[in-house]
Amino acid sequence: MNYILFDGPSRNNLLPLTYTRPVADIRVGILTIREKWETFLQSTITSVTEDYLSDKFPMVEFDENIFINASFLPDPEIVKQITSLKPNELINSGDDLVAFYSSEKQDEVNLDSFKKINHKQDLLKVKKLIDLFNINSLAIEADFNIITKDRISSKISITNNLICPENIFIEDGVKMEYVTLNASDGPIYIANECEIMEGSLIRGPFALCEKSTIKLGAKIYGGTTIGPYCKIGGEVNNSIVQGYSNKGHDGFLGNSLIGEWCNLGADTNTSNLKNNYADVKIWDYENDKFSSTGEQFCGLIMGDHSKSAINTMFNTGTVVGVCSNVFGSGFPRNFIPSFSWGGNKGFTDYKIEKVFEVNDKVMNRRNCIFSDIDKEILSHLNSITSHYRSNF
């Protein structure tokens, strides 16, 4: 069977992360949503997403396909139900469409005629940004159980201080000495060729993805995922870094979501709690206004390719779009549009030519190519987000 993940109605609620990727390629837990479904279904899975992303994330469609809402995370029960679907059947969870089996092209499907099957159990789902860090501990645990099933962890050096070592798993090639790992509140997973420098203190649930580094004396609290090829220092709590991003120095990052190819300068700090303990409001791309998250804790949301300079201070619930450069003293505004350049004293357009120049240098440092397709995606985003910068 051919499986296809679709963005669904939650895509705009997950901006700015979904400006540059399908919903399926968001990392939550240890794996991306796509990787979770591929692991369960033992199949390569493509996506149907926005047209401007389709060259980078092409869809493969057969005569018969099962389409799955990428907002939902898999578990054994829903996978069993999906693999049992027959043509012209769909699965709902409450009012939400989970999956459907179609023998027609995806743009010709009429779901009103399908037989409806109700999934009665709760599913982990990502319908808005704060869901990502709210469910991350559960997602880490679920992924940990799948990845480590019937496997034995690589040997861990005796110099390390391990609490609940049965909940700790490290892959081959990990460098780690004189580190404290406390897995009493949740599992700790360290992927291939990572390095955790001496003096670091880490509590689970925690995931460190391949070839990432935790710097000297870092303090990492539970519910945190660090994606591949990252360098992380300072204090981090209940946050997700998608990958290829750096927070190499001291400073606090809490209840935050950081995209790819970002850099947080030395002593960049995020506030994740208002002084009056009120619910945090963040920029709502769907409705073009600030909306309450219904949560007391929410830090920084930052899209791909954005940067902050030394000593940058981000207020509670700040949203930064893609390809922005933030610097200067004081708190910048708490919604910073994509392709912005500036800080507390004001912003101007970050010229697309300069963006390309920086991105090329940054990606070359990791032996990655800033491709023509990447340039086309960012050029499109620069155009469709220009109205946010019209009041600079």
Foldseek 3Di string as FASTA:
>chain_A
DAEEEEQPPLQLQAPPANLAPRQQLFDFAAHGQQVQVCLLVVDRYFYDYDPLNCVVGPHDDDQKYKYFHSQFHDDPVVSVVSVPADELEWEDEVPHTGMHIHSDPPVPDDNVRGHYDYDDDDTQGHRHNLSRLVCRQVSNQVVLCSVCPPHDADDDDPQEAEAPCVQEHEHPQEAEGQEYEHQPPHHEYHYHNEYEDHQEYEYEPEYEEANEYEDHNAYEYYLEYEYECEYEGAYEYSEYESYQEYPHEHEYHYQEYHYHQEYEEHHEYKDFADPVLDFDWEQRSVVRGTDGPPDRGHIEYEYEQEYEYHNAYEYHHAYYHYNEYEYDDDYADRYHFHQWYYGNVDTDGNDLVVSVVVVQVSQVVVVHHCDPSVSSSVVVSCVVRVVVRPVD
